Amino acid sequence: MDGQDLMDKKVLGIIPARLGSSRIPEKMLEDICGKPLIQWTVERTKEAKSLDALVVATDSERIAEVVRRLGVPVIMTPSELPTGTDRVAYAADRFADFTPDIVVNIWGDEPLYPAQAIDDLVALMREDASLRVAVLGDRITDETMLHEPSIVQVMTDLQDNVLYFTRSAAPYRHNKDAKLHHYHVIGALAMRKEFQDAFLKLPQTPIERYEGVEQMRILEHGIRMRIVKGDYRNLGVNTPQDLERVREMMAARVVGEVAEAHAV
């Protein structure tokens, strides 16, 4: 497959957004600086230049109403689907405008990282025809994040192939003089469509179940995955505490953007 063939591949972005949430009821509709969480994510994602189309996959008409007002189509999904990946696959199979070659699963509860990160992820998939799946990673600058189970850390080899995901503080620091940049997985996972279909048929794996990290299924089945690393200062909304921190971070960004606009 030559470079032009890779560039011609169609890319579909899908934001899975279910209404129910065990830790934050109706999380996607929580207000952040005057907008529901899902609106921030949709507006950010619309700025990505690499997506040929964007849809939201949801089980909620209330979420759908917000999204449609933003000019983004919605595919309704059954509420009993077990994971966001299942919701994305369900929507990709029912998307009618074209058959996507690359499907980007964009997590609905992470509104802070820039659209450029999505474009960088798609570029990685376009550049490497043998790559079936890739993820985004954000540098950890707050050491307390190393000890939060809601933060999924990722370790890589020297070519940024993923070695392991964990909710624990890792790796162990044997050499006190050694330096290491820590990264955690953030809100976009790109898969080739045929691999997405195959992935959902793979049996769950021991470490996946033990860690509660779905991406481990890919590694445990021996499939290469690469990561795009950035310094995005991102935080997902996984707990009530995260929600308050994201509100504070978003408020600071809004104030900064207003000040910058006035300066111009």
Protein backbone atom coordinates (compact mmCIF):
# COMPACT_ATOMS: atom_id res chain seq x y z
CA MET A 1 0.00 0.00 0.00
CA ASP A 2 1.57 3.29 -1.08
CA GLY A 3 1.40 6.66 0.67
CA GLN A 4 -1.44 7.95 -1.48
CA ASP A 5 -3.55 4.88 -0.69
CA LEU A 6 -3.09 5.57 3.01
CA MET A 7 -4.04 9.21 2.59
CA ASP A 8 -7.23 8.21 0.74
CA LYS A 9 -8.50 6.15 3.66
CA LYS A 10 -11.73 7.51 5.12
CA VAL A 11 -11.72 8.40 8.82
CA LEU A 12 -14.83 8.37 11.01
CA GLY A 13 -14.79 9.94 14.47
CA ILE A 14 -17.30 8.56 16.96
CA ILE A 15 -17.95 9.94 20.44
CA PRO A 16 -19.64 7.33 22.67
CA ALA A 17 -21.78 9.08 25.26
CA ARG A 18 -24.03 7.05 27.50
CA LEU A 19 -26.29 8.72 30.03
CA GLY A 20 -25.74 6.38 32.96
CA SER A 21 -22.61 6.60 35.09
CA SER A 22 -21.93 4.81 38.35
CA ARG A 23 -19.90 7.59 39.99
CA ILE A 24 -21.47 10.71 38.42
CA PRO A 25 -25.14 10.33 37.46
CA GLU A 26 -25.86 11.80 33.99
CA LYS A 27 -22.19 12.80 33.72
CA MET A 28 -22.35 13.88 30.08
CA LEU A 29 -24.93 16.54 30.94
CA GLU A 30 -23.05 18.00 33.90
CA ASP A 31 -22.51 21.74 33.58
CA ILE A 32 -18.96 22.98 33.00
CA CYS A 33 -18.67 26.77 32.68
CA GLY A 34 -22.16 27.11 31.21
CA LYS A 35 -22.11 24.13 28.83
CA PRO A 36 -22.80 20.42 29.31
CA LEU A 37 -19.71 18.23 29.30
CA ILE A 38 -20.61 16.54 26.02
CA GLN A 39 -20.89 19.92 24.28
CA TRP A 40 -17.30 20.83 25.18
CA THR A 41 -16.05 17.52 23.79
CA VAL A 42 -18.07 17.82 20.58
CA GLU A 43 -17.01 21.42 19.94
CA ARG A 44 -13.35 20.54 20.49
CA THR A 45 -13.55 17.48 18.25
CA LYS A 46 -15.21 19.41 15.42
CA GLU A 47 -11.97 21.36 15.10
CA ALA A 48 -10.03 18.24 14.09
CA LYS A 49 -9.07 18.41 10.41
CA SER A 50 -8.42 14.69 9.90
CA LEU A 51 -11.98 13.40 10.41
CA ASP A 52 -14.08 12.91 7.30
CA ALA A 53 -17.17 12.71 9.50
CA LEU A 54 -18.11 12.92 13.17
CA VAL A 55 -21.05 11.30 14.94
CA VAL A 56 -22.10 10.79 18.54
CA ALA A 57 -23.26 7.34 19.66
CA THR A 58 -25.62 7.61 22.61
CA ASP A 59 -28.46 5.85 24.40
CA SER A 60 -30.01 9.12 25.56
CA GLU A 61 -32.38 11.45 23.73
CA ARG A 62 -31.35 14.23 26.12
CA ILE A 63 -27.72 13.89 25.04
CA ALA A 64 -28.87 13.59 21.42
CA GLU A 65 -30.75 16.90 21.66
CA VAL A 66 -27.60 18.72 22.81
CA VAL A 67 -25.51 17.18 20.04
CA ARG A 68 -27.99 17.83 17.23
CA ARG A 69 -28.10 21.52 18.17
CA LEU A 70 -24.36 21.56 17.45
CA GLY A 71 -24.94 20.25 13.93
CA VAL A 72 -23.50 16.79 14.61
CA PRO A 73 -25.46 13.64 13.69
CA VAL A 74 -26.42 11.07 16.29
CA ILE A 75 -26.70 7.30 16.13
CA MET A 76 -28.86 5.88 18.91
CA THR A 77 -27.42 2.79 20.58
CA PRO A 78 -28.86 0.22 23.02
CA SER A 79 -28.25 1.13 26.66
CA GLU A 80 -27.18 -2.44 27.49
CA LEU A 81 -23.99 -2.31 25.38
CA PRO A 82 -21.20 -3.12 27.86
CA THR A 83 -18.40 -0.73 26.78
CA GLY A 84 -17.69 2.41 24.82
CA THR A 85 -15.91 0.29 22.23
CA ASP A 86 -19.09 -1.74 21.71
CA ARG A 87 -21.06 1.51 21.32
CA VAL A 88 -18.55 2.83 18.77
CA ALA A 89 -18.61 -0.42 16.77
CA TYR A 90 -22.41 -0.45 16.77
CA ALA A 91 -22.46 3.11 15.40
CA ALA A 92 -19.72 2.46 12.83
CA ASP A 93 -21.69 -0.47 11.40
CA ARG A 94 -24.74 1.77 10.98
CA PHE A 95 -23.01 4.85 9.60
CA ALA A 96 -24.34 5.19 6.05
CA ASP A 97 -22.33 7.97 4.35
CA PHE A 98 -19.23 5.87 3.68
CA THR A 99 -17.45 2.75 4.93
CA PRO A 100 -14.67 3.98 7.22
CA ASP A 101 -11.17 2.57 7.04
CA ILE A 102 -10.13 4.13 10.35
CA VAL A 103 -12.51 4.61 13.28
CA VAL A 104 -11.46 7.00 16.05
CA ASN A 105 -13.13 6.36 19.39
CA ILE A 106 -13.19 9.78 21.09
CA TRP A 107 -14.12 9.56 24.75
CA GLY A 108 -16.94 11.91 25.62
CA ASP A 109 -15.76 12.80 29.11
CA GLU A 110 -12.40 14.38 28.21
CA PRO A 111 -12.94 17.94 26.91
CA LEU A 112 -9.54 19.49 27.59
CA TYR A 113 -6.96 18.17 25.13
CA PRO A 114 -6.64 19.94 21.73
CA ALA A 115 -8.11 18.73 18.44
CA GLN A 116 -4.57 18.60 17.06
CA ALA A 117 -3.99 15.52 19.21
CA ILE A 118 -6.69 13.68 17.26
CA ASP A 119 -5.08 14.78 14.00
CA ASP A 120 -1.69 13.50 15.20
CA LEU A 121 -3.25 10.15 16.07
CA VAL A 122 -4.82 9.80 12.63
CA ALA A 123 -1.53 10.84 10.99
CA LEU A 124 0.25 8.01 12.81
CA MET A 125 -2.28 5.50 11.46
CA ARG A 126 -1.90 6.90 7.95
CA GLU A 127 1.90 6.76 8.06
CA ASP A 128 2.14 3.11 9.15
CA ALA A 129 0.06 0.69 7.06
CA SER A 130 0.92 -2.23 9.37
CA LEU A 131 -0.45 -0.45 12.45
CA ARG A 132 -3.91 -1.62 13.41
CA VAL A 133 -4.47 0.42 16.57
CA ALA A 134 -3.04 3.53 18.25
CA VAL A 135 -3.79 5.57 21.37
CA LEU A 136 -3.16 9.03 22.82
CA GLY A 137 -1.02 9.63 25.87
CA ASP A 138 -0.54 12.68 28.05
CA ARG A 139 2.49 13.43 30.20
CA ILE A 140 1.90 13.18 33.94
CA THR A 141 3.22 16.29 35.67
CA ASP A 142 1.42 15.86 39.01
CA GLU A 143 2.92 12.97 40.97
CA THR A 144 -0.33 12.38 42.84
CA MET A 145 -1.82 11.13 39.56
CA LEU A 146 0.53 8.13 39.74
CA HIS A 147 -1.47 6.83 42.69
CA GLU A 148 -5.02 7.43 41.38
CA PRO A 149 -6.67 4.22 40.09
CA SER A 150 -8.80 6.23 37.65
CA ILE A 151 -5.59 7.27 35.84
CA VAL A 152 -4.40 4.53 33.45
CA GLN A 153 -0.65 4.77 33.01
CA VAL A 154 1.10 3.48 29.92
CA MET A 155 4.66 2.23 29.42
CA THR A 156 6.32 2.05 26.02
CA ASP A 157 9.44 0.88 24.25
CA LEU A 158 11.90 3.24 22.58
CA GLN A 159 9.76 3.39 19.40
CA ASP A 160 6.59 4.30 21.36
CA ASN A 161 5.07 0.85 21.00
CA VAL A 162 2.91 0.17 24.04
CA LEU A 163 4.28 -2.37 26.52
CA TYR A 164 1.75 -2.23 29.34
CA PHE A 165 -1.19 -0.37 30.86
CA THR A 166 -1.76 -0.16 34.60
CA ARG A 167 -3.80 1.62 37.24
CA SER A 168 -0.93 1.23 39.73
CA ALA A 169 2.07 3.47 40.30
CA ALA A 170 4.64 2.00 37.91
CA PRO A 171 7.35 1.21 37.10
CA TYR A 172 9.16 0.67 40.37
CA ARG A 173 11.99 3.16 40.82
CA HIS A 174 15.01 1.02 41.66
CA ASN A 175 17.59 3.64 40.64
CA LYS A 176 16.90 6.84 42.56
CA ASP A 177 18.98 8.86 40.09
CA ALA A 178 17.09 7.65 37.02
CA LYS A 179 14.65 9.99 35.30
CA LEU A 180 11.48 8.93 33.53
CA HIS A 181 8.58 10.76 31.92
CA HIS A 182 5.30 9.15 32.96
CA TYR A 183 2.28 9.11 30.61
CA HIS A 184 -1.35 8.21 30.98
CA VAL A 185 -3.87 7.20 28.36
CA ILE A 186 -6.29 9.92 27.28
CA GLY A 187 -9.39 10.20 25.20
CA ALA A 188 -8.87 8.85 21.69
CA LEU A 189 -8.28 5.35 20.40
CA ALA A 190 -7.90 4.77 16.64
CA MET A 191 -8.53 1.38 15.06
CA ARG A 192 -8.74 0.16 11.51
CA LYS A 193 -12.35 -0.87 10.94
CA GLU A 194 -11.55 -4.51 10.22
CA PHE A 195 -9.47 -4.71 13.40
CA GLN A 196 -12.25 -3.14 15.47
CA ASP A 197 -14.61 -5.87 14.29
CA ALA A 198 -12.03 -8.55 15.13
CA PHE A 199 -11.20 -7.02 18.52
CA LEU A 200 -14.74 -7.35 19.81
CA LYS A 201 -14.64 -11.07 19.01
CA LEU A 202 -11.46 -11.63 21.01
CA PRO A 203 -12.00 -13.22 24.44
CA GLN A 204 -11.26 -11.11 27.47
CA THR A 205 -7.78 -11.65 28.87
CA PRO A 206 -6.46 -12.20 32.42
CA ILE A 207 -4.65 -8.89 32.88
CA GLU A 208 -7.49 -6.98 31.22
CA ARG A 209 -9.89 -8.34 33.84
CA TYR A 210 -7.39 -7.89 36.69
CA GLU A 211 -6.52 -4.26 35.86
CA GLY A 212 -9.93 -3.32 34.46
CA VAL A 213 -8.23 -1.90 31.35
CA GLU A 214 -9.83 -2.96 28.08
CA GLN A 215 -6.77 -2.08 25.98
CA MET A 216 -4.78 -4.83 27.68
CA ARG A 217 -6.79 -7.33 25.62
CA ILE A 218 -5.01 -6.04 22.53
CA LEU A 219 -1.54 -6.45 24.03
CA GLU A 220 -2.26 -9.82 25.61
CA HIS A 221 -3.26 -11.16 22.21
CA GLY A 222 0.12 -10.04 20.86
CA ILE A 223 -1.07 -7.11 18.72
CA ARG A 224 1.21 -4.10 18.30
CA MET A 225 -0.12 -0.77 19.49
CA ARG A 226 1.59 2.61 19.28
CA ILE A 227 1.03 5.81 21.19
CA VAL A 228 1.11 9.51 20.36
CA LYS A 229 2.64 11.30 23.34
CA GLY A 230 1.86 14.88 24.23
CA ASP A 231 1.94 17.39 27.05
CA TYR A 232 -1.74 18.36 26.95
CA ARG A 233 -2.51 18.92 30.67
CA ASN A 234 -5.57 16.74 30.16
CA LEU A 235 -7.88 15.32 32.80
CA GLY A 236 -10.87 13.05 32.26
CA VAL A 237 -14.05 13.26 34.31
CA ASN A 238 -14.03 9.94 36.17
CA THR A 239 -14.90 11.03 39.70
CA PRO A 240 -16.76 13.95 41.34
CA GLN A 241 -13.34 15.32 42.31
CA ASP A 242 -12.23 15.18 38.67
CA LEU A 243 -15.36 17.08 37.65
CA GLU A 244 -14.52 19.96 39.99
CA ARG A 245 -10.90 20.04 38.81
CA VAL A 246 -11.99 20.06 35.15
CA ARG A 247 -14.37 22.96 35.89
CA GLU A 248 -11.49 24.90 37.42
CA MET A 249 -9.14 24.10 34.52
CA MET A 250 -11.75 25.01 31.91
CA ALA A 251 -12.59 28.26 33.69
CA ALA A 252 -8.91 29.23 33.69
CA ARG A 253 -8.64 28.47 29.96
CA VAL A 254 -11.75 30.49 29.14
CA VAL A 255 -10.41 33.47 31.09
CA GLY A 256 -7.08 33.15 29.29
CA GLU A 257 -8.71 33.02 25.86
CA VAL A 258 -10.81 36.09 26.62
CA ALA A 259 -7.74 38.01 27.80
CA GLU A 260 -5.82 36.99 24.68
CA ALA A 261 -8.66 38.09 22.42
CA HIS A 262 -8.83 41.49 24.10
CA ALA A 263 -5.06 41.89 23.79
CA VAL A 264 -5.29 41.43 20.02
